[in-house]
N, C-alpha and C. Protein backbone atom coordinates (compact mmCIF):
# COMPACT_ATOMS: atom_id res chain seq x y z
N UNK A 1 19.30 -4.07 3.81
CA UNK A 1 18.16 -3.75 4.61
C UNK A 1 17.85 -4.95 5.49
N UNK A 2 17.95 -4.78 6.79
CA UNK A 2 17.65 -5.88 7.70
C UNK A 2 16.44 -5.54 8.53
N UNK A 3 15.76 -6.57 9.00
CA UNK A 3 14.58 -6.36 9.82
C UNK A 3 13.39 -5.95 8.99
N UNK A 4 12.31 -5.63 9.68
CA UNK A 4 11.12 -5.24 8.96
C UNK A 4 10.61 -3.89 9.45
N UNK A 5 9.74 -3.33 8.67
CA UNK A 5 9.14 -2.04 8.96
C UNK A 5 7.82 -2.26 9.69
N UNK A 6 7.40 -1.28 10.47
CA UNK A 6 6.09 -1.33 11.12
C UNK A 6 5.05 -0.87 10.11
N UNK A 7 3.92 -1.54 10.10
CA UNK A 7 2.83 -1.16 9.20
C UNK A 7 1.82 -0.30 9.94
N UNK A 8 1.44 0.80 9.33
CA UNK A 8 0.39 1.67 9.84
C UNK A 8 -0.62 1.80 8.71
N UNK A 9 -1.89 1.60 9.03
CA UNK A 9 -2.93 1.71 8.02
C UNK A 9 -3.91 2.79 8.44
N UNK A 10 -4.12 3.75 7.56
CA UNK A 10 -5.10 4.80 7.84
C UNK A 10 -6.49 4.17 7.93
N UNK A 11 -7.35 4.75 8.75
CA UNK A 11 -8.73 4.24 8.90
C UNK A 11 -9.46 4.24 7.57
N UNK A 12 -9.23 5.26 6.76
CA UNK A 12 -9.90 5.33 5.45
C UNK A 12 -9.44 4.18 4.55
N UNK A 13 -8.16 3.81 4.63
CA UNK A 13 -7.66 2.69 3.83
C UNK A 13 -8.26 1.37 4.31
N UNK A 14 -8.47 1.23 5.62
CA UNK A 14 -9.12 0.03 6.14
C UNK A 14 -10.53 -0.10 5.60
N UNK A 15 -11.26 1.02 5.56
CA UNK A 15 -12.62 1.00 5.01
C UNK A 15 -12.60 0.63 3.53
N UNK A 16 -11.64 1.18 2.79
CA UNK A 16 -11.54 0.88 1.36
C UNK A 16 -11.24 -0.60 1.15
N UNK A 17 -10.40 -1.18 2.00
CA UNK A 17 -10.06 -2.60 1.87
C UNK A 17 -11.28 -3.48 2.14
N UNK A 18 -12.08 -3.11 3.13
CA UNK A 18 -13.28 -3.91 3.44
C UNK A 18 -14.30 -3.89 2.31
N UNK A 19 -14.28 -2.88 1.47
CA UNK A 19 -15.24 -2.76 0.37
C UNK A 19 -14.84 -3.59 -0.85
N UNK A 20 -13.65 -4.16 -0.84
CA UNK A 20 -13.13 -4.92 -1.99
C UNK A 20 -13.59 -6.37 -1.88
N UNK A 21 -13.89 -7.04 -3.01
CA UNK A 21 -14.30 -8.46 -2.98
C UNK A 21 -13.27 -9.32 -2.24
N UNK A 22 -13.77 -10.37 -1.55
CA UNK A 22 -12.94 -11.19 -0.65
C UNK A 22 -11.67 -11.75 -1.29
N UNK A 23 -11.76 -12.30 -2.50
CA UNK A 23 -10.58 -12.89 -3.13
C UNK A 23 -9.50 -11.84 -3.35
N UNK A 24 -9.91 -10.70 -3.88
CA UNK A 24 -8.95 -9.61 -4.09
C UNK A 24 -8.43 -9.08 -2.76
N UNK A 25 -9.30 -9.04 -1.75
CA UNK A 25 -8.92 -8.54 -0.43
C UNK A 25 -7.78 -9.39 0.16
N UNK A 26 -7.85 -10.69 -0.01
CA UNK A 26 -6.80 -11.58 0.51
C UNK A 26 -5.47 -11.30 -0.19
N UNK A 27 -5.51 -11.14 -1.48
CA UNK A 27 -4.28 -10.86 -2.24
C UNK A 27 -3.67 -9.52 -1.85
N UNK A 28 -4.54 -8.52 -1.69
CA UNK A 28 -4.08 -7.19 -1.31
C UNK A 28 -3.50 -7.22 0.10
N UNK A 29 -4.15 -7.93 1.01
CA UNK A 29 -3.65 -8.04 2.38
C UNK A 29 -2.27 -8.69 2.41
N UNK A 30 -2.08 -9.73 1.60
CA UNK A 30 -0.77 -10.39 1.53
C UNK A 30 0.28 -9.43 0.99
N UNK A 31 -0.10 -8.63 0.01
CA UNK A 31 0.83 -7.66 -0.57
C UNK A 31 1.22 -6.60 0.45
N UNK A 32 0.24 -6.17 1.26
CA UNK A 32 0.50 -5.18 2.30
C UNK A 32 1.45 -5.76 3.35
N UNK A 33 1.21 -6.99 3.77
CA UNK A 33 2.09 -7.63 4.75
C UNK A 33 3.51 -7.75 4.20
N UNK A 34 3.63 -8.02 2.91
CA UNK A 34 4.95 -8.11 2.28
C UNK A 34 5.69 -6.79 2.28
N UNK A 35 4.95 -5.69 2.30
CA UNK A 35 5.60 -4.38 2.29
C UNK A 35 6.32 -4.09 3.60
N UNK A 36 6.00 -4.81 4.65
CA UNK A 36 6.72 -4.64 5.92
C UNK A 36 8.14 -5.17 5.79
N UNK A 37 8.33 -6.19 4.97
CA UNK A 37 9.67 -6.76 4.76
C UNK A 37 10.41 -6.05 3.63
N UNK A 38 9.69 -5.69 2.58
CA UNK A 38 10.28 -5.04 1.40
C UNK A 38 9.43 -3.84 1.03
N UNK A 39 9.70 -2.67 1.60
CA UNK A 39 8.85 -1.51 1.34
C UNK A 39 8.90 -0.98 -0.09
N UNK A 40 9.95 -1.32 -0.82
CA UNK A 40 10.05 -0.87 -2.21
C UNK A 40 10.33 -2.08 -3.10
N UNK A 41 9.33 -2.94 -3.29
CA UNK A 41 9.56 -4.15 -4.11
C UNK A 41 9.69 -3.79 -5.58
N UNK A 42 10.18 -4.73 -6.36
CA UNK A 42 10.25 -4.46 -7.80
C UNK A 42 8.82 -4.28 -8.30
N UNK A 43 8.64 -3.34 -9.18
CA UNK A 43 7.31 -3.05 -9.69
C UNK A 43 6.62 -1.90 -8.97
N UNK A 44 7.18 -1.45 -7.84
CA UNK A 44 6.57 -0.31 -7.17
C UNK A 44 6.97 0.94 -7.96
N UNK A 45 6.14 1.95 -7.87
CA UNK A 45 6.41 3.18 -8.61
C UNK A 45 6.30 4.36 -7.67
N UNK A 46 7.27 5.23 -7.71
CA UNK A 46 7.25 6.43 -6.86
C UNK A 46 6.30 7.44 -7.47
N UNK A 47 5.41 7.95 -6.65
CA UNK A 47 4.48 8.98 -7.08
C UNK A 47 5.10 10.33 -6.80
N UNK A 48 4.79 11.30 -7.61
CA UNK A 48 5.46 12.59 -7.53
C UNK A 48 5.10 13.39 -6.28
N UNK A 49 3.90 13.23 -5.79
CA UNK A 49 3.52 14.07 -4.66
C UNK A 49 3.67 13.34 -3.32
N UNK A 50 4.09 14.04 -2.32
CA UNK A 50 4.13 13.57 -0.93
C UNK A 50 5.02 12.36 -0.67
N UNK A 51 6.02 12.10 -1.49
CA UNK A 51 6.93 10.98 -1.23
C UNK A 51 6.18 9.67 -1.01
N UNK A 52 5.26 9.38 -1.90
CA UNK A 52 4.47 8.15 -1.80
C UNK A 52 4.82 7.20 -2.92
N UNK A 53 4.46 5.95 -2.70
CA UNK A 53 4.69 4.90 -3.69
C UNK A 53 3.37 4.20 -3.96
N UNK A 54 3.34 3.49 -5.07
CA UNK A 54 2.16 2.68 -5.36
C UNK A 54 2.63 1.33 -5.88
N UNK A 55 1.85 0.32 -5.55
CA UNK A 55 2.14 -1.02 -6.02
C UNK A 55 0.84 -1.60 -6.55
N UNK A 56 0.94 -2.39 -7.59
CA UNK A 56 -0.23 -3.00 -8.21
C UNK A 56 -0.55 -4.35 -7.59
N UNK A 57 -1.82 -4.64 -7.50
CA UNK A 57 -2.28 -5.98 -7.18
C UNK A 57 -3.54 -6.21 -8.00
N UNK A 58 -3.36 -6.85 -9.14
CA UNK A 58 -4.49 -7.04 -10.05
C UNK A 58 -4.96 -5.70 -10.57
N UNK A 59 -6.28 -5.46 -10.47
CA UNK A 59 -6.86 -4.19 -10.91
C UNK A 59 -6.82 -3.13 -9.81
N UNK A 60 -6.23 -3.46 -8.69
CA UNK A 60 -6.21 -2.55 -7.55
C UNK A 60 -4.82 -1.97 -7.34
N UNK A 61 -4.80 -0.80 -6.69
CA UNK A 61 -3.55 -0.13 -6.38
C UNK A 61 -3.50 0.15 -4.89
N UNK A 62 -2.31 0.01 -4.34
CA UNK A 62 -2.06 0.31 -2.93
C UNK A 62 -1.10 1.49 -2.91
N UNK A 63 -1.52 2.59 -2.32
CA UNK A 63 -0.70 3.79 -2.23
C UNK A 63 -0.20 3.88 -0.79
N UNK A 64 1.11 4.07 -0.63
CA UNK A 64 1.68 4.08 0.72
C UNK A 64 2.88 5.01 0.79
N UNK A 65 3.22 5.36 2.02
CA UNK A 65 4.37 6.22 2.28
C UNK A 65 5.38 5.42 3.11
N UNK A 66 6.66 5.62 2.85
CA UNK A 66 7.73 4.93 3.57
C UNK A 66 8.56 5.96 4.32
N UNK A 67 8.77 5.70 5.61
CA UNK A 67 9.65 6.54 6.42
C UNK A 67 10.79 5.66 6.90
N UNK A 68 11.95 5.79 6.24
CA UNK A 68 13.10 4.95 6.57
C UNK A 68 13.67 5.26 7.96
N UNK A 69 13.56 6.49 8.36
CA UNK A 69 14.12 6.89 9.65
C UNK A 69 13.40 6.21 10.81
N UNK A 70 12.07 6.21 10.78
CA UNK A 70 11.31 5.56 11.85
C UNK A 70 10.92 4.13 11.48
N UNK A 71 11.33 3.68 10.29
CA UNK A 71 11.08 2.33 9.80
C UNK A 71 9.58 1.99 9.82
N UNK A 72 8.79 2.85 9.18
CA UNK A 72 7.35 2.61 9.08
C UNK A 72 6.89 2.68 7.64
N UNK A 73 5.86 1.92 7.36
CA UNK A 73 5.16 1.97 6.07
C UNK A 73 3.72 2.31 6.41
N UNK A 74 3.23 3.44 5.88
CA UNK A 74 1.86 3.86 6.13
C UNK A 74 1.02 3.64 4.88
N UNK A 75 0.01 2.78 4.99
CA UNK A 75 -0.91 2.52 3.88
C UNK A 75 -1.88 3.70 3.85
N UNK A 76 -1.87 4.42 2.74
CA UNK A 76 -2.64 5.65 2.64
C UNK A 76 -3.97 5.43 1.93
N UNK A 77 -3.96 4.65 0.86
CA UNK A 77 -5.16 4.49 0.04
C UNK A 77 -5.11 3.16 -0.68
N UNK A 78 -6.28 2.53 -0.81
CA UNK A 78 -6.41 1.27 -1.54
C UNK A 78 -7.64 1.43 -2.42
N UNK A 79 -7.49 1.13 -3.70
CA UNK A 79 -8.66 1.28 -4.56
C UNK A 79 -8.44 0.71 -5.94
N UNK A 80 -9.52 0.68 -6.70
CA UNK A 80 -9.47 0.23 -8.08
C UNK A 80 -8.63 1.20 -8.89
N UNK A 81 -7.96 0.72 -9.88
CA UNK A 81 -7.01 1.55 -10.63
C UNK A 81 -7.63 2.78 -11.25
N UNK A 82 -8.90 2.74 -11.61
CA UNK A 82 -9.52 3.90 -12.24
C UNK A 82 -9.97 4.94 -11.23
N UNK A 83 -9.96 4.59 -9.93
CA UNK A 83 -10.46 5.51 -8.92
C UNK A 83 -9.42 5.94 -7.89
N UNK A 84 -8.33 5.22 -7.76
CA UNK A 84 -7.43 5.43 -6.63
C UNK A 84 -6.70 6.77 -6.66
N UNK A 85 -6.48 7.35 -7.80
CA UNK A 85 -5.73 8.61 -7.88
C UNK A 85 -6.60 9.84 -7.81
N UNK A 86 -7.91 9.65 -7.81
CA UNK A 86 -8.83 10.80 -7.71
C UNK A 86 -8.83 11.33 -6.30
N UNK A 87 -9.04 12.62 -6.19
CA UNK A 87 -9.05 13.25 -4.86
C UNK A 87 -10.42 13.32 -4.30
């Protein structure tokens, strides 16, 4: 895998990120930036619905979709582990 993927963040995910405490927000932001270089890092888990993945950062989860054809990573949802999978 060469090069990096383009990052797309849904508006709702941006709002969720702003609601997270600053220290955790920095760590999550770094993790998101890393997904542009490695969209499927070790520790990521494929979710059964909608071809999405999730990665852990502390008590928070980042849910995202990867499109290899257009080389994009779309951040879909960011939230605390007990809330992120609820609809």
